[in-house]
Amino acid sequence: MAPPANNLLISCILFCCLIAVSEAEAQPSFRPKALILPVTKDPSTLQYLTQINQRTPLVPVKLALDLGGQYLWVDCEQGYVSSSYKPAPCGSAQCSLANSKSCTIACLPSPRPGCNNNTCGLMPENTVVTRTSPSGQFGQDVVSIQSTDGSNPGKIVKVPNFLFTCGATFLLDGLAKGVKGMAGLGRNKISMPSRFSAAFSFHRKFAVCLTAGKGAVFFGDGPYVMLPNIDISKSLIFTPLILNKISTASEGEPSSDYFIGVNSIKINNKIVPLNTTLLKINEDGFGGTKISTAFELCYNSTAIGSTRVGPAVPQIDLVLQSSNGGVNPRTSIVIGGHQLEDNLLQFDLADSRLGFSSSLLFRQTTCANFNFTSTA
């Protein structure tokens, strides 16, 4: 006997409600305004390191921080196991976004992360020792990261299809012990700041606060609060980011590195005489002032004393556009990680400008003073 019409109606309503509830539960109920990664300094190599959780099941992956790096790359040759890994098919939207110019037709002996048929490729680079792999397959996998309100760490959030490149094991040579790849924060569409911004629809900004202890990288807008309750974002000074149209990593593309305009250099308020044409980027991409975390000191710092507000050296000022050296260097000035320590730098990719705090030591705080121990 057929059930009464009313019962059918009630059943349909309940069934539809159950479907609606299931769909609602499948949608993320929490959308972060910003994300945070802790950054430490390796005492042996002086490289800045961070860690993400990647794959299914999630595993911690230690990475060297590369401020101008084009994207996240990870060694896939040793122990990369994940049920959620997906290669990027040649001609796909992901490959177009990465501007990939290569395609692997067949990969033997059997498909695996980093070796799949019909998959587009990029050329991952170890920028510490300037070593490039001739090929690295492009793909995506799950990444989890901690959210933040700017004052405290918050909930862990996941990106199910985070784009990255598989690198070869030999690219790890010269990186700190235990490192499995590099976290590229560069100025392009597939860098980590761009991908997190796209995943959570927040501002295309990120901030770096390095220190000899435990610093941080913030993805998204401020506040950036350091103990004792000092919001660094309220006192930033801004200068334009300069685009270098010539990349050393990808032919025919602009550089993913960050350059600023420096008009002159002062030491103890006296202008240093130099060839000012070196401060400009020429048509071949040489010259200019680059901000980098991948270069070591080009001087011996062991004989330099220290004070409460930093090294015991004369005051050095870079007169900006808005108010590793060696023989024939491509870039005239490289502002390295040591010079950046305990200064917060905000990279605004949408408006192409750099915000900087100057030394936090003068404000009785440091980049080590973010409150990682308390959860919002």
Protein backbone atom coordinates (compact mmCIF):
# COMPACT_ATOMS: atom_id res chain seq x y z
CA MET A 1 0.00 0.00 0.00
CA ALA A 2 1.36 3.43 -0.94
CA PRO A 3 2.15 5.74 2.00
CA PRO A 4 -0.16 8.72 2.51
CA ALA A 5 0.77 11.88 0.59
CA ASN A 6 1.39 13.80 3.83
CA ASN A 7 3.91 11.20 4.99
CA LEU A 8 5.64 11.42 1.61
CA LEU A 9 5.82 15.19 1.96
CA ILE A 10 7.25 14.96 5.49
CA SER A 11 9.78 12.34 4.36
CA CYS A 12 10.88 14.55 1.45
CA ILE A 13 11.22 17.55 3.73
CA LEU A 14 13.29 15.55 6.23
CA PHE A 15 15.41 14.11 3.40
CA CYS A 16 16.04 17.57 1.95
CA CYS A 17 16.88 18.88 5.41
CA LEU A 18 19.38 16.07 5.90
CA ILE A 19 21.00 16.90 2.55
CA ALA A 20 21.14 20.57 3.48
CA VAL A 21 22.74 19.79 6.84
CA SER A 22 25.32 17.52 5.21
CA GLU A 23 26.21 20.20 2.68
CA ALA A 24 26.45 22.80 5.42
CA GLU A 25 28.78 20.59 7.43
CA ALA A 26 30.97 20.09 4.37
CA GLN A 27 31.47 23.86 4.01
CA PRO A 28 34.13 25.58 6.14
CA SER A 29 32.41 27.41 8.99
CA PHE A 30 35.50 29.45 9.85
CA ARG A 31 37.24 31.80 7.42
CA PRO A 32 40.48 33.25 8.82
CA LYS A 33 41.45 36.88 8.33
CA ALA A 34 45.15 36.05 8.56
CA LEU A 35 47.55 33.12 8.98
CA ILE A 36 50.86 32.72 10.78
CA LEU A 37 53.99 30.59 10.49
CA PRO A 38 56.71 30.55 13.16
CA VAL A 39 60.25 31.18 11.85
CA THR A 40 63.48 30.09 13.53
CA LYS A 41 67.11 30.76 12.65
CA ASP A 42 69.33 27.72 12.16
CA PRO A 43 72.54 28.30 14.18
CA SER A 44 74.75 26.31 11.80
CA THR A 45 73.71 27.74 8.43
CA LEU A 46 72.05 30.98 9.65
CA GLN A 47 69.12 30.11 7.37
CA TYR A 48 65.59 31.04 8.38
CA LEU A 49 63.38 27.98 8.73
CA THR A 50 59.67 27.36 9.02
CA GLN A 51 57.37 24.34 9.01
CA ILE A 52 54.05 23.48 7.39
CA ASN A 53 51.88 20.39 7.60
CA GLN A 54 51.22 18.81 4.22
CA ARG A 55 49.71 15.68 2.60
CA THR A 56 47.19 13.03 3.72
CA PRO A 57 47.84 11.97 6.37
CA LEU A 58 49.40 15.28 7.42
CA VAL A 59 53.14 15.27 8.11
CA PRO A 60 55.35 18.18 9.25
CA VAL A 61 57.61 19.50 6.50
CA LYS A 62 60.56 21.71 7.44
CA LEU A 63 61.34 24.44 4.90
CA ALA A 64 63.94 27.11 4.30
CA LEU A 65 62.37 30.54 3.92
CA ASP A 66 62.97 32.17 0.52
CA LEU A 67 61.57 35.69 0.39
CA GLY A 68 61.88 36.00 -3.39
CA GLY A 69 61.17 32.33 -4.16
CA GLN A 70 58.61 31.70 -6.88
CA TYR A 71 56.63 28.98 -5.08
CA LEU A 72 56.67 26.22 -2.51
CA TRP A 73 58.84 23.29 -3.61
CA VAL A 74 59.34 20.04 -1.73
CA ASP A 75 61.57 17.00 -2.24
CA CYS A 76 59.28 14.30 -3.65
CA GLU A 77 61.97 11.69 -4.28
CA GLN A 78 62.40 10.63 -0.64
CA GLY A 79 59.35 9.41 1.22
CA TYR A 80 56.62 11.57 -0.28
CA VAL A 81 53.46 9.55 0.40
CA SER A 82 50.02 11.13 0.20
CA SER A 83 46.56 9.95 -0.82
CA SER A 84 45.51 13.53 -1.69
CA TYR A 85 48.35 14.45 -4.06
CA LYS A 86 47.19 15.47 -7.56
CA PRO A 87 49.47 16.22 -10.50
CA ALA A 88 48.66 19.25 -12.66
CA PRO A 89 47.68 18.03 -16.16
CA CYS A 90 49.37 19.73 -19.11
CA GLY A 91 47.23 22.57 -20.42
CA SER A 92 45.23 22.85 -17.18
CA ALA A 93 44.32 26.12 -15.45
CA GLN A 94 46.97 25.40 -12.82
CA CYS A 95 49.68 25.10 -15.48
CA SER A 96 48.52 28.32 -17.13
CA LEU A 97 48.62 30.11 -13.78
CA ALA A 98 52.20 28.91 -13.30
CA ASN A 99 53.10 29.86 -16.88
CA SER A 100 54.61 26.40 -17.32
CA LYS A 101 56.43 25.82 -20.57
CA SER A 102 57.12 22.08 -20.24
CA CYS A 103 55.08 18.88 -20.21
CA THR A 104 56.04 15.35 -19.21
CA ILE A 105 54.43 12.96 -21.70
CA ALA A 106 55.51 9.72 -20.02
CA CYS A 107 57.23 9.04 -16.71
CA LEU A 108 58.65 5.62 -15.93
CA PRO A 109 58.57 3.15 -14.28
CA SER A 110 55.32 3.95 -12.49
CA PRO A 111 53.36 7.10 -11.55
CA ARG A 112 54.19 8.69 -8.20
CA PRO A 113 54.36 12.23 -6.74
CA GLY A 114 56.86 14.10 -8.88
CA CYS A 115 56.69 11.59 -11.75
CA ASN A 116 53.37 11.43 -13.58
CA ASN A 117 52.31 11.26 -17.21
CA ASN A 118 50.87 14.33 -18.94
CA THR A 119 51.98 16.69 -16.15
CA CYS A 120 53.35 20.21 -16.54
CA GLY A 121 56.67 21.15 -15.02
CA LEU A 122 58.63 24.03 -13.51
CA MET A 123 62.29 24.45 -12.53
CA PRO A 124 62.63 24.51 -8.71
CA GLU A 125 65.66 26.41 -7.45
CA ASN A 126 67.80 26.27 -4.31
CA THR A 127 68.58 29.99 -4.08
CA VAL A 128 71.03 29.51 -1.20
CA VAL A 129 73.58 27.78 -3.43
CA THR A 130 72.01 28.91 -6.74
CA ARG A 131 71.22 25.40 -7.88
CA THR A 132 68.34 24.63 -10.26
CA SER A 133 66.68 21.36 -11.22
CA PRO A 134 66.04 21.03 -14.97
CA SER A 135 62.56 19.73 -14.24
CA GLY A 136 60.11 19.48 -11.38
CA GLN A 137 56.49 18.49 -11.74
CA PHE A 138 53.73 20.86 -10.70
CA GLY A 139 50.93 19.55 -8.50
CA GLN A 140 48.74 20.14 -5.49
CA ASP A 141 48.12 18.65 -2.07
CA VAL A 142 46.59 19.39 1.31
CA VAL A 143 48.33 22.00 3.47
CA SER A 144 47.32 22.99 7.00
CA ILE A 145 48.38 26.19 8.76
CA GLN A 146 47.49 28.13 11.90
CA SER A 147 45.20 31.15 11.71
CA THR A 148 45.71 34.29 13.80
CA ASP A 149 43.89 37.44 14.83
CA GLY A 150 47.22 39.28 14.88
CA SER A 151 47.64 38.94 18.63
CA ASN A 152 47.42 35.19 19.23
CA PRO A 153 47.45 31.97 17.22
CA GLY A 154 43.99 30.65 16.35
CA LYS A 155 42.41 27.60 14.77
CA ILE A 156 44.21 25.30 12.36
CA VAL A 157 42.82 25.65 8.83
CA LYS A 158 43.34 23.51 5.71
CA VAL A 159 43.83 24.31 2.04
CA PRO A 160 42.82 21.12 0.16
CA ASN A 161 44.52 21.92 -3.17
CA PHE A 162 47.61 23.96 -2.41
CA LEU A 163 49.86 24.35 -5.46
CA PHE A 164 53.53 23.39 -5.20
CA THR A 165 56.39 21.89 -7.20
CA CYS A 166 58.12 18.57 -6.64
CA GLY A 167 61.89 18.97 -6.43
CA ALA A 168 64.80 16.56 -6.60
CA THR A 169 66.72 15.44 -3.51
CA PHE A 170 70.00 16.95 -4.74
CA LEU A 171 68.42 20.42 -4.43
CA LEU A 172 68.57 20.04 -0.64
CA ASP A 173 72.39 20.27 -0.68
CA GLY A 174 73.48 23.35 1.26
CA LEU A 175 70.21 23.66 3.17
CA ALA A 176 69.92 23.20 6.93
CA LYS A 177 69.64 19.72 8.40
CA GLY A 178 66.15 18.22 8.12
CA VAL A 179 64.93 20.73 5.53
CA LYS A 180 62.80 19.19 2.75
CA GLY A 181 62.26 22.19 0.48
CA MET A 182 61.85 25.95 0.29
CA ALA A 183 58.93 28.22 1.12
CA GLY A 184 58.75 30.72 -1.74
CA LEU A 185 57.17 34.06 -0.77
CA GLY A 186 57.88 35.80 -4.07
CA ARG A 187 56.03 38.30 -6.19
CA ASN A 188 53.95 36.10 -8.49
CA LYS A 189 50.66 34.22 -8.73
CA ILE A 190 51.79 30.84 -7.38
CA SER A 191 53.87 31.93 -4.37
CA MET A 192 52.67 30.99 -0.90
CA PRO A 193 51.26 34.47 -0.07
CA SER A 194 49.30 34.52 -3.34
CA ARG A 195 47.89 31.02 -2.85
CA PHE A 196 46.83 31.60 0.77
CA SER A 197 45.23 34.89 -0.26
CA ALA A 198 43.31 33.14 -3.03
CA ALA A 199 42.24 30.28 -0.76
CA PHE A 200 40.77 32.48 1.97
CA SER A 201 39.95 35.68 0.04
CA PHE A 202 41.94 38.00 2.26
CA HIS A 203 44.24 40.89 1.41
CA ARG A 204 47.22 40.14 -0.85
CA LYS A 205 49.63 41.12 1.88
CA PHE A 206 52.13 39.34 4.07
CA ALA A 207 54.57 40.45 6.74
CA VAL A 208 57.94 39.09 7.80
CA CYS A 209 59.42 39.62 11.26
CA LEU A 210 62.78 37.87 11.61
CA THR A 211 64.96 37.52 14.67
CA ALA A 212 67.73 35.37 16.06
CA GLY A 213 65.08 33.59 18.14
CA LYS A 214 61.54 32.73 17.07
CA GLY A 215 60.10 35.16 14.54
CA ALA A 216 57.03 34.96 12.34
CA VAL A 217 55.54 35.28 8.88
CA PHE A 218 51.99 36.67 8.75
CA PHE A 219 49.80 36.05 5.69
CA GLY A 220 47.09 38.70 5.38
CA ASP A 221 46.66 42.16 6.85
CA GLY A 222 47.48 43.34 10.36
CA PRO A 223 47.31 43.85 13.24
CA TYR A 224 50.77 42.49 14.06
CA VAL A 225 50.90 42.61 17.83
CA MET A 226 54.08 42.00 19.83
CA LEU A 227 54.31 41.84 23.59
CA PRO A 228 53.67 44.00 25.56
CA ASN A 229 50.61 44.69 23.36
CA ILE A 230 52.34 46.79 20.69
CA ASP A 231 50.62 46.79 17.28
CA ILE A 232 53.46 47.28 14.81
CA SER A 233 51.07 47.77 11.86
CA LYS A 234 50.06 51.21 13.17
CA SER A 235 53.53 52.71 12.74
CA LEU A 236 54.67 51.41 9.36
CA ILE A 237 56.37 53.70 6.83
CA PHE A 238 55.76 52.87 3.15
CA THR A 239 57.86 52.96 0.01
CA PRO A 240 57.07 51.59 -3.48
CA LEU A 241 58.12 48.11 -4.51
CA ILE A 242 60.07 48.26 -7.78
CA LEU A 243 59.44 45.61 -10.43
CA ASN A 244 62.53 44.08 -12.05
CA LYS A 245 61.30 43.05 -15.49
CA ILE A 246 64.08 40.49 -15.95
CA SER A 247 63.95 37.22 -13.99
CA THR A 248 67.02 35.07 -13.41
CA ALA A 249 64.79 32.04 -12.83
CA SER A 250 62.20 32.16 -15.64
CA GLU A 251 63.11 33.52 -19.04
CA GLY A 252 60.72 36.11 -20.41
CA GLU A 253 59.07 36.78 -17.04
CA PRO A 254 59.53 39.54 -14.45
CA SER A 255 61.53 38.74 -11.33
CA SER A 256 59.69 37.38 -8.28
CA ASP A 257 62.22 39.15 -6.02
CA TYR A 258 61.40 42.30 -4.07
CA PHE A 259 63.23 45.49 -5.00
CA ILE A 260 62.99 48.97 -3.50
CA GLY A 261 64.24 52.33 -4.74
CA VAL A 262 67.30 53.62 -2.86
CA ASN A 263 68.51 57.09 -3.85
CA SER A 264 71.57 57.28 -1.60
CA ILE A 265 73.28 55.80 1.47
CA LYS A 266 74.22 57.76 4.58
CA ILE A 267 76.55 56.79 7.41
CA ASN A 268 76.27 59.04 10.46
CA ASN A 269 74.20 61.42 8.31
CA LYS A 270 76.96 61.77 5.71
CA ILE A 271 76.22 60.68 2.13
CA VAL A 272 78.48 57.88 0.92
CA PRO A 273 80.05 58.70 -2.46
CA LEU A 274 79.17 55.99 -4.98
CA ASN A 275 78.10 55.42 -8.56
CA THR A 276 74.38 56.16 -8.22
CA THR A 277 73.58 54.46 -11.55
CA LEU A 278 74.13 51.16 -9.69
CA LEU A 279 71.12 51.97 -7.53
CA LYS A 280 68.79 51.75 -10.54
CA ILE A 281 67.75 48.55 -12.34
CA ASN A 282 68.96 48.73 -15.93
CA GLU A 283 67.26 47.29 -19.02
CA ASP A 284 69.11 43.97 -18.56
CA GLY A 285 67.84 43.54 -14.98
CA PHE A 286 71.15 44.44 -13.31
CA GLY A 287 71.49 46.84 -10.38
CA GLY A 288 68.96 48.02 -7.83
CA THR A 289 68.33 47.08 -4.21
CA LYS A 290 66.89 43.67 -3.37
CA ILE A 291 65.50 42.34 -0.10
CA SER A 292 66.48 38.71 0.45
CA THR A 293 66.54 35.98 3.09
CA ALA A 294 68.76 33.61 1.05
CA PHE A 295 72.05 35.37 1.17
CA GLU A 296 74.74 35.03 3.82
CA LEU A 297 76.73 37.90 5.31
CA CYS A 298 79.32 39.37 2.97
CA TYR A 299 81.40 40.64 5.91
CA ASN A 300 82.88 39.27 9.13
CA SER A 301 80.56 40.15 12.00
CA THR A 302 82.52 38.39 14.77
CA ALA A 303 84.51 41.53 15.63
CA ILE A 304 81.41 43.72 15.89
CA GLY A 305 80.15 44.40 19.39
CA SER A 306 76.52 44.68 20.40
CA THR A 307 74.35 47.20 22.20
CA ARG A 308 70.83 47.21 23.61
CA VAL A 309 69.49 48.32 20.22
CA GLY A 310 71.65 46.17 17.95
CA PRO A 311 75.22 45.94 16.59
CA ALA A 312 77.72 48.55 17.71
CA VAL A 313 78.10 50.22 14.33
CA PRO A 314 77.54 53.76 13.04
CA GLN A 315 74.01 54.71 12.02
CA ILE A 316 73.43 53.56 8.45
CA ASP A 317 70.49 55.05 6.51
CA LEU A 318 69.16 54.02 3.13
CA VAL A 319 67.54 57.11 1.60
CA LEU A 320 64.51 55.61 -0.12
CA GLN A 321 62.56 56.68 -3.16
CA SER A 322 59.68 58.11 -1.15
CA SER A 323 61.13 60.86 1.24
CA ASN A 324 75.98 38.55 -1.30
CA GLY A 325 78.29 40.89 -3.22
CA GLY A 326 81.20 39.41 -5.07
CA VAL A 327 82.54 40.06 -8.56
CA ASN A 328 80.06 41.64 -11.02
CA PRO A 329 77.01 41.19 -8.78
CA ARG A 330 73.64 41.20 -10.54
CA THR A 331 72.11 43.32 -7.77
CA SER A 332 73.98 46.35 -6.43
CA ILE A 333 72.61 46.17 -2.87
CA VAL A 334 71.19 43.11 -1.12
CA ILE A 335 69.48 43.77 2.21
CA GLY A 336 69.84 40.36 3.86
CA GLY A 337 68.17 38.61 6.75
CA HIS A 338 70.70 39.84 9.33
CA GLN A 339 69.87 43.45 8.45
CA LEU A 340 66.15 42.68 8.55
CA GLU A 341 66.15 41.16 12.04
CA ASP A 342 63.80 42.82 14.53
CA ASN A 343 62.27 44.96 11.79
CA LEU A 344 58.77 44.12 10.62
CA LEU A 345 58.31 44.32 6.85
CA GLN A 346 54.87 44.22 5.24
CA PHE A 347 54.73 43.34 1.53
CA ASP A 348 51.56 44.72 -0.05
CA LEU A 349 51.29 42.84 -3.35
CA ALA A 350 48.03 44.47 -4.43
CA ASP A 351 49.28 48.05 -4.06
CA SER A 352 52.94 47.22 -4.82
CA ARG A 353 54.43 48.83 -1.73
CA LEU A 354 56.62 47.88 1.23
CA GLY A 355 55.80 48.90 4.77
CA PHE A 356 58.59 48.82 7.35
CA SER A 357 58.76 49.49 11.06
CA SER A 358 62.44 50.36 11.60
CA SER A 359 64.09 48.62 14.54
CA LEU A 360 61.62 47.26 17.10
CA LEU A 361 64.39 47.40 19.68
CA PHE A 362 63.81 51.15 19.98
CA ARG A 363 60.21 50.33 20.99
CA GLN A 364 61.26 47.89 23.73
CA THR A 365 60.10 44.83 21.81
CA THR A 366 61.45 42.35 19.24
CA CYS A 367 60.23 40.01 16.52
CA ALA A 368 60.50 37.20 19.09
CA ASN A 369 57.68 38.74 21.12
CA PHE A 370 54.65 37.38 19.30
CA ASN A 371 52.54 35.42 21.79
CA PHE A 372 52.65 31.91 20.32
CA THR A 373 51.74 30.32 23.66
CA SER A 374 48.18 31.63 23.94
CA THR A 375 45.38 30.59 21.57
CA ALA A 376 42.70 33.07 20.59
